Amino acid sequence: MASLNVYSALVVLFLTCAAPMATKENDQIIKENNSETKMGLPCVLEAFTSLVETGSISNECCGELVGLGKVCHSALVKRTLENPLFKDLCPATIIAKSIQKWNNCLALIDSPSPSA
C-alpha cells in the first residue's frame, strides 16, 4: 500500500513539474514559427469554434490551417488546453477533434480539384 502512495506522489509531482515545461515548449514553438500570425482572425475563430463546439472548417480556412503547419497547429491546441479559461474542456475530445480537423483539411488541400 505504501508503494501505491509513493507512486501516486511521483505522478502528481511529474504532472506538476511537466505542465510548466510543456507551456514553455509550446510558447517557444509558437514564437519561433510565427504561428499566431499565419492565420487570419476569421479562420482562427472558425477553427476554434469547430473544436470546442460543432461545425466544419471552410476550404479557405483549411488552406490557412494547413499553411500553418502541423507543429504550430498542435502547439496552439495544447496551449489553448493549458489556458485556465478553458479548464472545463475535455482535453481528449479536443485533441481528437483537432486531429480529425487537421486530417480533413489536409485531405481537402492535397486532393486534386475537379477539372472544369
PDB file of N, CA and C in Angstrom:
ATOM      1  N   MET A   1       0.820  -1.193   0.000  1.00  0.00           N
ATOM      2  CA  MET A   1       0.000   0.000   0.000  1.00  0.00           C
ATOM      3  C   MET A   1       0.864   1.256   0.000  1.00  0.00           C
ATOM      4  N   ALA A   2       1.980   1.207   0.723  1.00  0.00           N
ATOM      5  CA  ALA A   2       2.876   2.360   0.764  1.00  0.00           C
ATOM      6  C   ALA A   2       3.450   2.648  -0.618  1.00  0.00           C
ATOM      7  N   SER A   3       3.731   1.597  -1.398  1.00  0.00           N
ATOM      8  CA  SER A   3       4.284   1.825  -2.735  1.00  0.00           C
ATOM      9  C   SER A   3       3.266   2.529  -3.631  1.00  0.00           C
ATOM     10  N   LEU A   4       1.980   2.260  -3.430  1.00  0.00           N
ATOM     11  CA  LEU A   4       0.953   2.939  -4.200  1.00  0.00           C
ATOM     12  C   LEU A   4       0.942   4.433  -3.883  1.00  0.00           C
ATOM     13  N   ASN A   5       1.106   4.788  -2.613  1.00  0.00           N
ATOM     14  CA  ASN A   5       1.146   6.200  -2.216  1.00  0.00           C
ATOM     15  C   ASN A   5       2.373   6.897  -2.781  1.00  0.00           C
ATOM     16  N   VAL A   6       3.511   6.211  -2.786  1.00  0.00           N
ATOM     17  CA  VAL A   6       4.734   6.784  -3.342  1.00  0.00           C
ATOM     18  C   VAL A   6       4.561   6.984  -4.847  1.00  0.00           C
ATOM     19  N   TYR A   7       3.987   5.982  -5.497  1.00  0.00           N
ATOM     20  CA  TYR A   7       3.744   6.075  -6.936  1.00  0.00           C
ATOM     21  C   TYR A   7       2.811   7.249  -7.242  1.00  0.00           C
ATOM     22  N   SER A   8       1.739   7.377  -6.490  1.00  0.00           N
ATOM     23  CA  SER A   8       0.794   8.478  -6.681  1.00  0.00           C
ATOM     24  C   SER A   8       1.471   9.828  -6.493  1.00  0.00           C
ATOM     25  N   ALA A   9       2.306   9.926  -5.483  1.00  0.00           N
ATOM     26  CA  ALA A   9       3.025  11.173  -5.224  1.00  0.00           C
ATOM     27  C   ALA A   9       3.972  11.510  -6.374  1.00  0.00           C
ATOM     28  N   LEU A  10       4.627  10.504  -6.944  1.00  0.00           N
ATOM     29  CA  LEU A  10       5.533  10.732  -8.065  1.00  0.00           C
ATOM     30  C   LEU A  10       4.766  11.190  -9.302  1.00  0.00           C
ATOM     31  N   VAL A  11       3.606  10.598  -9.548  1.00  0.00           N
ATOM     32  CA  VAL A  11       2.788  11.003 -10.692  1.00  0.00           C
ATOM     33  C   VAL A  11       2.345  12.456 -10.539  1.00  0.00           C
ATOM     34  N   VAL A  12       1.881  12.826  -9.350  1.00  0.00           N
ATOM     35  CA  VAL A  12       1.458  14.206  -9.097  1.00  0.00           C
ATOM     36  C   VAL A  12       2.641  15.154  -9.269  1.00  0.00           C
ATOM     37  N   LEU A  13       3.798  14.784  -8.753  1.00  0.00           N
ATOM     38  CA  LEU A  13       4.999  15.608  -8.875  1.00  0.00           C
ATOM     39  C   LEU A  13       5.382  15.783 -10.337  1.00  0.00           C
ATOM     40  N   PHE A  14       5.342  14.689 -11.104  1.00  0.00           N
ATOM     41  CA  PHE A  14       5.685  14.758 -12.518  1.00  0.00           C
ATOM     42  C   PHE A  14       4.721  15.674 -13.264  1.00  0.00           C
ATOM     43  N   LEU A  15       3.430  15.501 -13.025  1.00  0.00           N
ATOM     44  CA  LEU A  15       2.437  16.324 -13.708  1.00  0.00           C
ATOM     45  C   LEU A  15       2.575  17.789 -13.334  1.00  0.00           C
ATOM     46  N   THR A  16       2.876  18.054 -12.094  1.00  0.00           N
ATOM     47  CA  THR A  16       3.038  19.429 -11.632  1.00  0.00           C
ATOM     48  C   THR A  16       4.261  20.082 -12.265  1.00  0.00           C
ATOM     49  N   CYS A  17       5.331  19.326 -12.381  1.00  0.00           N
ATOM     50  CA  CYS A  17       6.562  19.869 -12.949  1.00  0.00           C
ATOM     51  C   CYS A  17       6.523  19.908 -14.476  1.00  0.00           C
ATOM     52  N   ALA A  18       5.847  18.949 -15.096  1.00  0.00           N
ATOM     53  CA  ALA A  18       5.835  18.867 -16.552  1.00  0.00           C
ATOM     54  C   ALA A  18       4.938  19.924 -17.184  1.00  0.00           C
ATOM     55  N   ALA A  19       3.885  20.339 -16.508  1.00  0.00           N
ATOM     56  CA  ALA A  19       2.952  21.307 -17.088  1.00  0.00           C
ATOM     57  C   ALA A  19       3.627  22.629 -17.454  1.00  0.00           C
ATOM     58  N   PRO A  20       4.410  23.243 -16.549  1.00  0.00           N
ATOM     59  CA  PRO A  20       5.067  24.494 -16.938  1.00  0.00           C
ATOM     60  C   PRO A  20       6.070  24.303 -18.075  1.00  0.00           C
ATOM     61  N   MET A  21       6.752  23.146 -18.110  1.00  0.00           N
ATOM     62  CA  MET A  21       7.693  22.890 -19.189  1.00  0.00           C
ATOM     63  C   MET A  21       6.951  22.780 -20.513  1.00  0.00           C
ATOM     64  N   ALA A  22       5.806  22.107 -20.521  1.00  0.00           N
ATOM     65  CA  ALA A  22       5.032  21.966 -21.747  1.00  0.00           C
ATOM     66  C   ALA A  22       4.581  23.331 -22.246  1.00  0.00           C
ATOM     67  N   THR A  23       4.159  24.187 -21.327  1.00  0.00           N
ATOM     68  CA  THR A  23       3.722  25.537 -21.706  1.00  0.00           C
ATOM     69  C   THR A  23       4.862  26.301 -22.344  1.00  0.00           C
ATOM     70  N   LYS A  24       6.037  26.257 -21.743  1.00  0.00           N
ATOM     71  CA  LYS A  24       7.192  26.968 -22.286  1.00  0.00           C
ATOM     72  C   LYS A  24       7.566  26.407 -23.652  1.00  0.00           C
ATOM     73  N   GLU A  25       7.508  25.092 -23.796  1.00  0.00           N
ATOM     74  CA  GLU A  25       7.848  24.452 -25.066  1.00  0.00           C
ATOM     75  C   GLU A  25       6.864  24.881 -26.154  1.00  0.00           C
ATOM     76  N   ASN A  26       5.569  24.860 -25.852  1.00  0.00           N
ATOM     77  CA  ASN A  26       4.557  25.280 -26.825  1.00  0.00           C
ATOM     78  C   ASN A  26       4.733  26.744 -27.188  1.00  0.00           C
ATOM     79  N   ASP A  27       4.968  27.601 -26.195  1.00  0.00           N
ATOM     80  CA  ASP A  27       5.175  29.023 -26.454  1.00  0.00           C
ATOM     81  C   ASP A  27       6.389  29.243 -27.359  1.00  0.00           C
ATOM     82  N   GLN A  28       7.448  28.474 -27.133  1.00  0.00           N
ATOM     83  CA  GLN A  28       8.662  28.597 -27.940  1.00  0.00           C
ATOM     84  C   GLN A  28       8.387  28.190 -29.386  1.00  0.00           C
ATOM     85  N   ILE A  29       7.679  27.081 -29.580  1.00  0.00           N
ATOM     86  CA  ILE A  29       7.325  26.628 -30.927  1.00  0.00           C
ATOM     87  C   ILE A  29       6.491  27.690 -31.628  1.00  0.00           C
ATOM     88  N   ILE A  30       5.515  28.217 -30.923  1.00  0.00           N
ATOM     89  CA  ILE A  30       4.619  29.230 -31.496  1.00  0.00           C
ATOM     90  C   ILE A  30       5.408  30.483 -31.885  1.00  0.00           C
ATOM     91  N   LYS A  31       6.301  30.903 -31.008  1.00  0.00           N
ATOM     92  CA  LYS A  31       7.095  32.115 -31.272  1.00  0.00           C
ATOM     93  C   LYS A  31       8.054  31.900 -32.444  1.00  0.00           C
ATOM     94  N   GLU A  32       8.787  30.783 -32.444  1.00  0.00           N
ATOM     95  CA  GLU A  32       9.777  30.520 -33.486  1.00  0.00           C
ATOM     96  C   GLU A  32       9.148  30.400 -34.871  1.00  0.00           C
ATOM     97  N   ASN A  33       7.921  29.928 -34.934  1.00  0.00           N
ATOM     98  CA  ASN A  33       7.260  29.709 -36.223  1.00  0.00           C
ATOM     99  C   ASN A  33       6.259  30.793 -36.591  1.00  0.00           C
ATOM    100  N   ASN A  34       6.205  31.863 -35.804  1.00  0.00           N
ATOM    101  CA  ASN A  34       5.234  32.938 -36.032  1.00  0.00           C
ATOM    102  C   ASN A  34       3.820  32.378 -36.200  1.00  0.00           C
ATOM    103  N   SER A  35       3.497  31.388 -35.404  1.00  0.00           N
ATOM    104  CA  SER A  35       2.239  30.660 -35.536  1.00  0.00           C
ATOM    105  C   SER A  35       1.015  31.547 -35.368  1.00  0.00           C
ATOM    106  N   GLU A  36       1.115  32.556 -34.541  1.00  0.00           N
ATOM    107  CA  GLU A  36      -0.056  33.385 -34.253  1.00  0.00           C
ATOM    108  C   GLU A  36      -0.389  34.360 -35.380  1.00  0.00           C
ATOM    109  N   THR A  37       0.501  34.500 -36.340  1.00  0.00           N
ATOM    110  CA  THR A  37       0.250  35.455 -37.418  1.00  0.00           C
ATOM    111  C   THR A  37      -0.019  34.782 -38.756  1.00  0.00           C
ATOM    112  N   LYS A  38      -0.002  33.473 -38.810  1.00  0.00           N
ATOM    113  CA  LYS A  38      -0.157  32.762 -40.075  1.00  0.00           C
ATOM    114  C   LYS A  38      -1.609  32.533 -40.491  1.00  0.00           C
ATOM    115  N   MET A  39      -2.552  32.723 -39.573  1.00  0.00           N
ATOM    116  CA  MET A  39      -3.967  32.564 -39.898  1.00  0.00           C
ATOM    117  C   MET A  39      -4.689  33.863 -39.592  1.00  0.00           C
ATOM    118  N   GLY A  40      -5.637  34.205 -40.450  1.00  0.00           N
ATOM    119  CA  GLY A  40      -6.453  35.388 -40.203  1.00  0.00           C
ATOM    120  C   GLY A  40      -7.432  35.123 -39.067  1.00  0.00           C
ATOM    121  N   LEU A  41      -7.854  36.181 -38.407  1.00  0.00           N
ATOM    122  CA  LEU A  41      -8.758  36.059 -37.270  1.00  0.00           C
ATOM    123  C   LEU A  41     -10.051  35.309 -37.611  1.00  0.00           C
ATOM    124  N   PRO A  42     -10.686  35.574 -38.756  1.00  0.00           N
ATOM    125  CA  PRO A  42     -11.916  34.820 -39.059  1.00  0.00           C
ATOM    126  C   PRO A  42     -11.687  33.306 -39.111  1.00  0.00           C
ATOM    127  N   CYS A  43     -10.552  32.889 -39.667  1.00  0.00           N
ATOM    128  CA  CYS A  43     -10.254  31.458 -39.743  1.00  0.00           C
ATOM    129  C   CYS A  43      -9.872  30.888 -38.381  1.00  0.00           C
ATOM    130  N   VAL A  44      -9.188  31.682 -37.578  1.00  0.00           N
ATOM    131  CA  VAL A  44      -8.863  31.243 -36.216  1.00  0.00           C
ATOM    132  C   VAL A  44     -10.156  30.972 -35.454  1.00  0.00           C
ATOM    133  N   LEU A  45     -11.090  31.909 -35.545  1.00  0.00           N
ATOM    134  CA  LEU A  45     -12.369  31.756 -34.843  1.00  0.00           C
ATOM    135  C   LEU A  45     -13.159  30.561 -35.379  1.00  0.00           C
ATOM    136  N   GLU A  46     -13.146  30.383 -36.685  1.00  0.00           N
ATOM    137  CA  GLU A  46     -13.851  29.253 -37.295  1.00  0.00           C
ATOM    138  C   GLU A  46     -13.263  27.923 -36.835  1.00  0.00           C
ATOM    139  N   ALA A  47     -11.939  27.823 -36.848  1.00  0.00           N
ATOM    140  CA  ALA A  47     -11.274  26.593 -36.426  1.00  0.00           C
ATOM    141  C   ALA A  47     -11.508  26.333 -34.938  1.00  0.00           C
ATOM    142  N   PHE A  48     -11.387  27.385 -34.128  1.00  0.00           N
ATOM    143  CA  PHE A  48     -11.585  27.248 -32.686  1.00  0.00           C
ATOM    144  C   PHE A  48     -13.004  26.780 -32.386  1.00  0.00           C
ATOM    145  N   THR A  49     -13.987  27.398 -33.027  1.00  0.00           N
ATOM    146  CA  THR A  49     -15.383  27.028 -32.811  1.00  0.00           C
ATOM    147  C   THR A  49     -15.633  25.585 -33.218  1.00  0.00           C
ATOM    148  N   SER A  50     -14.990  25.154 -34.293  1.00  0.00           N
ATOM    149  CA  SER A  50     -15.188  23.768 -34.740  1.00  0.00           C
ATOM    150  C   SER A  50     -14.599  22.764 -33.749  1.00  0.00           C
ATOM    151  N   LEU A  51     -13.656  23.204 -32.938  1.00  0.00           N
ATOM    152  CA  LEU A  51     -13.056  22.313 -31.942  1.00  0.00           C
ATOM    153  C   LEU A  51     -13.848  22.287 -30.643  1.00  0.00           C
ATOM    154  N   VAL A  52     -14.272  23.444 -30.170  1.00  0.00           N
ATOM    155  CA  VAL A  52     -14.918  23.497 -28.855  1.00  0.00           C
ATOM    156  C   VAL A  52     -16.429  23.366 -28.925  1.00  0.00           C
ATOM    157  N   GLU A  53     -16.996  23.581 -30.092  1.00  0.00           N
ATOM    158  CA  GLU A  53     -18.439  23.421 -30.253  1.00  0.00           C
ATOM    159  C   GLU A  53     -18.671  22.417 -31.374  1.00  0.00           C
ATOM    160  N   THR A  54     -19.317  22.843 -32.426  1.00  0.00           N
ATOM    161  CA  THR A  54     -19.521  21.981 -33.584  1.00  0.00           C
ATOM    162  C   THR A  54     -19.265  22.801 -34.839  1.00  0.00           C
ATOM    163  N   GLY A  55     -19.271  22.132 -35.946  1.00  0.00           N
ATOM    164  CA  GLY A  55     -19.103  22.837 -37.207  1.00  0.00           C
ATOM    165  C   GLY A  55     -17.908  22.328 -37.971  1.00  0.00           C
ATOM    166  N   SER A  56     -17.812  22.809 -39.183  1.00  0.00           N
ATOM    167  CA  SER A  56     -16.701  22.401 -40.032  1.00  0.00           C
ATOM    168  C   SER A  56     -15.841  23.619 -40.331  1.00  0.00           C
ATOM    169  N   ILE A  57     -14.767  23.370 -41.035  1.00  0.00           N
ATOM    170  CA  ILE A  57     -13.854  24.438 -41.413  1.00  0.00           C
ATOM    171  C   ILE A  57     -13.970  24.620 -42.926  1.00  0.00           C
ATOM    172  N   SER A  58     -14.146  25.849 -43.372  1.00  0.00           N
ATOM    173  CA  SER A  58     -14.294  26.139 -44.800  1.00  0.00           C
ATOM    174  C   SER A  58     -13.015  25.783 -45.557  1.00  0.00           C
ATOM    175  N   ASN A  59     -13.143  25.655 -46.871  1.00  0.00           N
ATOM    176  CA  ASN A  59     -11.978  25.350 -47.709  1.00  0.00           C
ATOM    177  C   ASN A  59     -10.888  26.404 -47.549  1.00  0.00           C
ATOM    178  N   GLU A  60     -11.303  27.673 -47.521  1.00  0.00           N
ATOM    179  CA  GLU A  60     -10.334  28.762 -47.367  1.00  0.00           C
ATOM    180  C   GLU A  60      -9.567  28.627 -46.053  1.00  0.00           C
ATOM    181  N   CYS A  61     -10.295  28.365 -44.972  1.00  0.00           N
ATOM    182  CA  CYS A  61      -9.653  28.256 -43.663  1.00  0.00           C
ATOM    183  C   CYS A  61      -8.847  26.964 -43.549  1.00  0.00           C
ATOM    184  N   CYS A  62      -9.269  25.919 -44.250  1.00  0.00           N
ATOM    185  CA  CYS A  62      -8.455  24.700 -44.292  1.00  0.00           C
ATOM    186  C   CYS A  62      -7.092  25.005 -44.910  1.00  0.00           C
ATOM    187  N   GLY A  63      -7.117  25.819 -45.961  1.00  0.00           N
ATOM    188  CA  GLY A  63      -5.855  26.214 -46.590  1.00  0.00           C
ATOM    189  C   GLY A  63      -4.953  26.955 -45.626  1.00  0.00           C
ATOM    190  N   GLU A  64      -5.540  27.858 -44.850  1.00  0.00           N
ATOM    191  CA  GLU A  64      -4.756  28.598 -43.861  1.00  0.00           C
ATOM    192  C   GLU A  64      -4.260  27.679 -42.751  1.00  0.00           C
ATOM    193  N   LEU A  65      -5.107  26.732 -42.331  1.00  0.00           N
ATOM    194  CA  LEU A  65      -4.728  25.802 -41.268  1.00  0.00           C
ATOM    195  C   LEU A  65      -3.562  24.924 -41.707  1.00  0.00           C
ATOM    196  N   VAL A  66      -3.652  24.378 -42.908  1.00  0.00           N
ATOM    197  CA  VAL A  66      -2.564  23.533 -43.417  1.00  0.00           C
ATOM    198  C   VAL A  66      -1.305  24.368 -43.632  1.00  0.00           C
ATOM    199  N   GLY A  67      -1.480  25.621 -44.078  1.00  0.00           N
ATOM    200  CA  GLY A  67      -0.335  26.519 -44.229  1.00  0.00           C
ATOM    201  C   GLY A  67       0.345  26.825 -42.909  1.00  0.00           C
ATOM    202  N   LEU A  68      -0.424  26.772 -41.841  1.00  0.00           N
ATOM    203  CA  LEU A  68       0.108  26.982 -40.502  1.00  0.00           C
ATOM    204  C   LEU A  68       1.142  25.917 -40.162  1.00  0.00           C
ATOM    205  N   GLY A  69       0.853  24.689 -40.574  1.00  0.00           N
ATOM    206  CA  GLY A  69       1.746  23.570 -40.289  1.00  0.00           C
ATOM    207  C   GLY A  69       1.286  22.794 -39.071  1.00  0.00           C
ATOM    208  N   LYS A  70       1.549  21.501 -39.084  1.00  0.00           N
ATOM    209  CA  LYS A  70       1.088  20.620 -38.020  1.00  0.00           C
ATOM    210  C   LYS A  70       1.708  20.962 -36.670  1.00  0.00           C
ATOM    211  N   VAL A  71       2.976  21.312 -36.660  1.00  0.00           N
ATOM    212  CA  VAL A  71       3.663  21.625 -35.399  1.00  0.00           C
ATOM    213  C   VAL A  71       3.021  22.842 -34.733  1.00  0.00           C
ATOM    214  N   CYS A  72       2.779  23.889 -35.519  1.00  0.00           N
ATOM    215  CA  CYS A  72       2.136  25.094 -34.971  1.00  0.00           C
ATOM    216  C   CYS A  72       0.713  24.786 -34.528  1.00  0.00           C
ATOM    217  N   HIS A  73      -0.008  24.045 -35.356  1.00  0.00           N
ATOM    218  CA  HIS A  73      -1.388  23.694 -35.028  1.00  0.00           C
ATOM    219  C   HIS A  73      -1.444  22.958 -33.688  1.00  0.00           C
ATOM    220  N   SER A  74      -0.601  21.964 -33.533  1.00  0.00           N
ATOM    221  CA  SER A  74      -0.584  21.180 -32.290  1.00  0.00           C
ATOM    222  C   SER A  74      -0.202  22.033 -31.089  1.00  0.00           C
ATOM    223  N   ALA A  75       0.787  22.894 -31.257  1.00  0.00           N
ATOM    224  CA  ALA A  75       1.226  23.755 -30.145  1.00  0.00           C
ATOM    225  C   ALA A  75       0.121  24.718 -29.731  1.00  0.00           C
ATOM    226  N   LEU A  76      -0.597  25.276 -30.707  1.00  0.00           N
ATOM    227  CA  LEU A  76      -1.689  26.197 -30.378  1.00  0.00           C
ATOM    228  C   LEU A  76      -2.836  25.476 -29.668  1.00  0.00           C
ATOM    229  N   VAL A  77      -3.149  24.260 -30.102  1.00  0.00           N
ATOM    230  CA  VAL A  77      -4.210  23.488 -29.446  1.00  0.00           C
ATOM    231  C   VAL A  77      -3.799  23.165 -28.011  1.00  0.00           C
ATOM    232  N   LYS A  78      -2.561  22.728 -27.835  1.00  0.00           N
ATOM    233  CA  LYS A  78      -2.087  22.396 -26.485  1.00  0.00           C
ATOM    234  C   LYS A  78      -2.073  23.624 -25.589  1.00  0.00           C
ATOM    235  N   ARG A  79      -1.650  24.760 -26.129  1.00  0.00           N
ATOM    236  CA  ARG A  79      -1.626  25.982 -25.319  1.00  0.00           C
ATOM    237  C   ARG A  79      -3.045  26.399 -24.934  1.00  0.00           C
ATOM    238  N   THR A  80      -3.989  26.214 -25.834  1.00  0.00           N
ATOM    239  CA  THR A  80      -5.387  26.516 -25.517  1.00  0.00           C
ATOM    240  C   THR A  80      -5.856  25.658 -24.355  1.00  0.00           C
ATOM    241  N   LEU A  81      -5.518  24.379 -24.387  1.00  0.00           N
ATOM    242  CA  LEU A  81      -5.934  23.471 -23.319  1.00  0.00           C
ATOM    243  C   LEU A  81      -5.278  23.801 -21.980  1.00  0.00           C
ATOM    244  N   GLU A  82      -4.118  24.444 -22.016  1.00  0.00           N
ATOM    245  CA  GLU A  82      -3.429  24.831 -20.786  1.00  0.00           C
ATOM    246  C   GLU A  82      -3.992  26.120 -20.192  1.00  0.00           C
ATOM    247  N   ASN A  83      -4.778  26.853 -20.963  1.00  0.00           N
ATOM    248  CA  ASN A  83      -5.340  28.122 -20.515  1.00  0.00           C
ATOM    249  C   ASN A  83      -6.458  27.861 -19.504  1.00  0.00           C
ATOM    250  N   PRO A  84      -6.385  28.483 -18.334  1.00  0.00           N
ATOM    251  CA  PRO A  84      -7.420  28.278 -17.308  1.00  0.00           C
ATOM    252  C   PRO A  84      -8.834  28.633 -17.778  1.00  0.00           C
ATOM    253  N   LEU A  85      -8.960  29.504 -18.763  1.00  0.00           N
ATOM    254  CA  LEU A  85     -10.283  29.851 -19.286  1.00  0.00           C
ATOM    255  C   LEU A  85     -11.004  28.640 -19.887  1.00  0.00           C
ATOM    256  N   PHE A  86     -10.212  27.665 -20.323  1.00  0.00           N
ATOM    257  CA  PHE A  86     -10.785  26.504 -20.997  1.00  0.00           C
ATOM    258  C   PHE A  86     -10.649  25.229 -20.172  1.00  0.00           C
ATOM    259  N   LYS A  87     -10.589  25.390 -18.854  1.00  0.00           N
ATOM    260  CA  LYS A  87     -10.385  24.238 -17.968  1.00  0.00           C
ATOM    261  C   LYS A  87     -11.530  23.236 -18.012  1.00  0.00           C
ATOM    262  N   ASP A  88     -12.712  23.659 -18.438  1.00  0.00           N
ATOM    263  CA  ASP A  88     -13.860  22.762 -18.485  1.00  0.00           C
ATOM    264  C   ASP A  88     -13.908  21.915 -19.756  1.00  0.00           C
ATOM    265  N   LEU A  89     -13.023  22.190 -20.709  1.00  0.00           N
ATOM    266  CA  LEU A  89     -12.990  21.391 -21.925  1.00  0.00           C
ATOM    267  C   LEU A  89     -12.367  20.036 -21.645  1.00  0.00           C
ATOM    268  N   CYS A  90     -12.823  19.022 -22.330  1.00  0.00           N
ATOM    269  CA  CYS A  90     -12.237  17.689 -22.196  1.00  0.00           C
ATOM    270  C   CYS A  90     -11.043  17.601 -23.156  1.00  0.00           C
ATOM    271  N   PRO A  91      -9.823  17.544 -22.619  1.00  0.00           N
ATOM    272  CA  PRO A  91      -8.638  17.530 -23.486  1.00  0.00           C
ATOM    273  C   PRO A  91      -8.649  16.399 -24.521  1.00  0.00           C
ATOM    274  N   ALA A  92      -9.066  15.219 -24.124  1.00  0.00           N
ATOM    275  CA  ALA A  92      -9.064  14.091 -25.069  1.00  0.00           C
ATOM    276  C   ALA A  92      -9.991  14.366 -26.253  1.00  0.00           C
ATOM    277  N   THR A  93     -11.148  14.945 -25.976  1.00  0.00           N
ATOM    278  CA  THR A  93     -12.104  15.267 -27.039  1.00  0.00           C
ATOM    279  C   THR A  93     -11.550  16.342 -27.962  1.00  0.00           C
ATOM    280  N   ILE A  94     -10.974  17.381 -27.378  1.00  0.00           N
ATOM    281  CA  ILE A  94     -10.429  18.482 -28.178  1.00  0.00           C
ATOM    282  C   ILE A  94      -9.266  17.992 -29.040  1.00  0.00           C
ATOM    283  N   ILE A  95      -8.396  17.190 -28.475  1.00  0.00           N
ATOM    284  CA  ILE A  95      -7.253  16.676 -29.240  1.00  0.00           C
ATOM    285  C   ILE A  95      -7.738  15.771 -30.364  1.00  0.00           C
ATOM    286  N   ALA A  96      -8.715  14.912 -30.082  1.00  0.00           N
ATOM    287  CA  ALA A  96      -9.264  14.025 -31.119  1.00  0.00           C
ATOM    288  C   ALA A  96      -9.895  14.850 -32.240  1.00  0.00           C
ATOM    289  N   LYS A  97     -10.676  15.874 -31.878  1.00  0.00           N
ATOM    290  CA  LYS A  97     -11.294  16.732 -32.897  1.00  0.00           C
ATOM    291  C   LYS A  97     -10.229  17.496 -33.676  1.00  0.00           C
ATOM    292  N   SER A  98      -9.188  17.913 -32.983  1.00  0.00           N
ATOM    293  CA  SER A  98      -8.102  18.640 -33.620  1.00  0.00           C
ATOM    294  C   SER A  98      -7.426  17.782 -34.687  1.00  0.00           C
ATOM    295  N   ILE A  99      -7.161  16.538 -34.342  1.00  0.00           N
ATOM    296  CA  ILE A  99      -6.527  15.613 -35.297  1.00  0.00           C
ATOM    297  C   ILE A  99      -7.460  15.365 -36.480  1.00  0.00           C
ATOM    298  N   GLN A 100      -8.741  15.166 -36.178  1.00  0.00           N
ATOM    299  CA  GLN A 100      -9.727  14.925 -37.237  1.00  0.00           C
ATOM    300  C   GLN A 100      -9.813  16.129 -38.181  1.00  0.00           C
ATOM    301  N   LYS A 101      -9.894  17.335 -37.615  1.00  0.00           N
ATOM    302  CA  LYS A 101      -9.984  18.551 -38.440  1.00  0.00           C
ATOM    303  C   LYS A 101      -8.728  18.710 -39.288  1.00  0.00           C
ATOM    304  N   TRP A 102      -7.564  18.462 -38.683  1.00  0.00           N
ATOM    305  CA  TRP A 102      -6.294  18.567 -39.414  1.00  0.00           C
ATOM    306  C   TRP A 102      -6.294  17.593 -40.592  1.00  0.00           C
ATOM    307  N   ASN A 103      -6.628  16.333 -40.324  1.00  0.00           N
ATOM    308  CA  ASN A 103      -6.616  15.325 -41.388  1.00  0.00           C
ATOM    309  C   ASN A 103      -7.619  15.652 -42.490  1.00  0.00           C
ATOM    310  N   ASN A 104      -8.807  16.121 -42.115  1.00  0.00           N
ATOM    311  CA  ASN A 104      -9.806  16.505 -43.114  1.00  0.00           C
ATOM    312  C   ASN A 104      -9.301  17.650 -43.988  1.00  0.00           C
ATOM    313  N   CYS A 105      -8.708  18.648 -43.362  1.00  0.00           N
ATOM    314  CA  CYS A 105      -8.187  19.788 -44.118  1.00  0.00           C
ATOM    315  C   CYS A 105      -7.018  19.367 -45.003  1.00  0.00           C
ATOM    316  N   LEU A 106      -6.156  18.538 -44.485  1.00  0.00           N
ATOM    317  CA  LEU A 106      -5.011  18.078 -45.265  1.00  0.00           C
ATOM    318  C   LEU A 106      -5.481  17.303 -46.494  1.00  0.00           C
ATOM    319  N   ALA A 107      -6.468  16.433 -46.321  1.00  0.00           N
ATOM    320  CA  ALA A 107      -7.005  15.666 -47.443  1.00  0.00           C
ATOM    321  C   ALA A 107      -7.661  16.589 -48.466  1.00  0.00           C
ATOM    322  N   LEU A 108      -8.356  17.601 -47.976  1.00  0.00           N
ATOM    323  CA  LEU A 108      -9.024  18.549 -48.864  1.00  0.00           C
ATOM    324  C   LEU A 108      -8.003  19.344 -49.683  1.00  0.00           C
ATOM    325  N   ILE A 109      -6.957  19.789 -49.030  1.00  0.00           N
ATOM    326  CA  ILE A 109      -5.949  20.609 -49.698  1.00  0.00           C
ATOM    327  C   ILE A 109      -5.115  19.755 -50.646  1.00  0.00           C
ATOM    328  N   ASP A 110      -4.831  18.513 -50.264  1.00  0.00           N
ATOM    329  CA  ASP A 110      -3.998  17.638 -51.093  1.00  0.00           C
ATOM    330  C   ASP A 110      -4.754  17.005 -52.256  1.00  0.00           C
ATOM    331  N   SER A 111      -6.084  16.971 -52.173  1.00  0.00           N
ATOM    332  CA  SER A 111      -6.847  16.320 -53.238  1.00  0.00           C
ATOM    333  C   SER A 111      -6.883  17.227 -54.466  1.00  0.00           C
ATOM    334  N   PRO A 112      -6.756  16.609 -55.620  1.00  0.00           N
ATOM    335  CA  PRO A 112      -6.798  17.433 -56.841  1.00  0.00           C
ATOM    336  C   PRO A 112      -8.209  17.990 -57.057  1.00  0.00           C
ATOM    337  N   SER A 113      -8.274  19.223 -57.487  1.00  0.00           N
ATOM    338  CA  SER A 113      -9.586  19.828 -57.739  1.00  0.00           C
ATOM    339  C   SER A 113     -10.151  19.267 -59.032  1.00  0.00           C
ATOM    340  N   PRO A 114     -11.459  19.121 -59.116  1.00  0.00           N
ATOM    341  CA  PRO A 114     -12.058  18.597 -60.344  1.00  0.00           C
ATOM    342  C   PRO A 114     -11.829  19.528 -61.520  1.00  0.00           C
ATOM    343  N   SER A 115     -11.559  18.951 -62.653  1.00  0.00           N
ATOM    344  CA  SER A 115     -11.329  19.748 -63.856  1.00  0.00           C
ATOM    345  C   SER A 115     -12.643  20.291 -64.384  1.00  0.00           C
ATOM    346  N   ALA A 116     -12.586  21.482 -64.924  1.00  0.00           N
ATOM    347  CA  ALA A 116     -13.811  22.088 -65.466  1.00  0.00           C
ATOM    348  C   ALA A 116     -14.018  21.696 -66.903  1.00  0.00           C
TER     349      ALA A 116
END
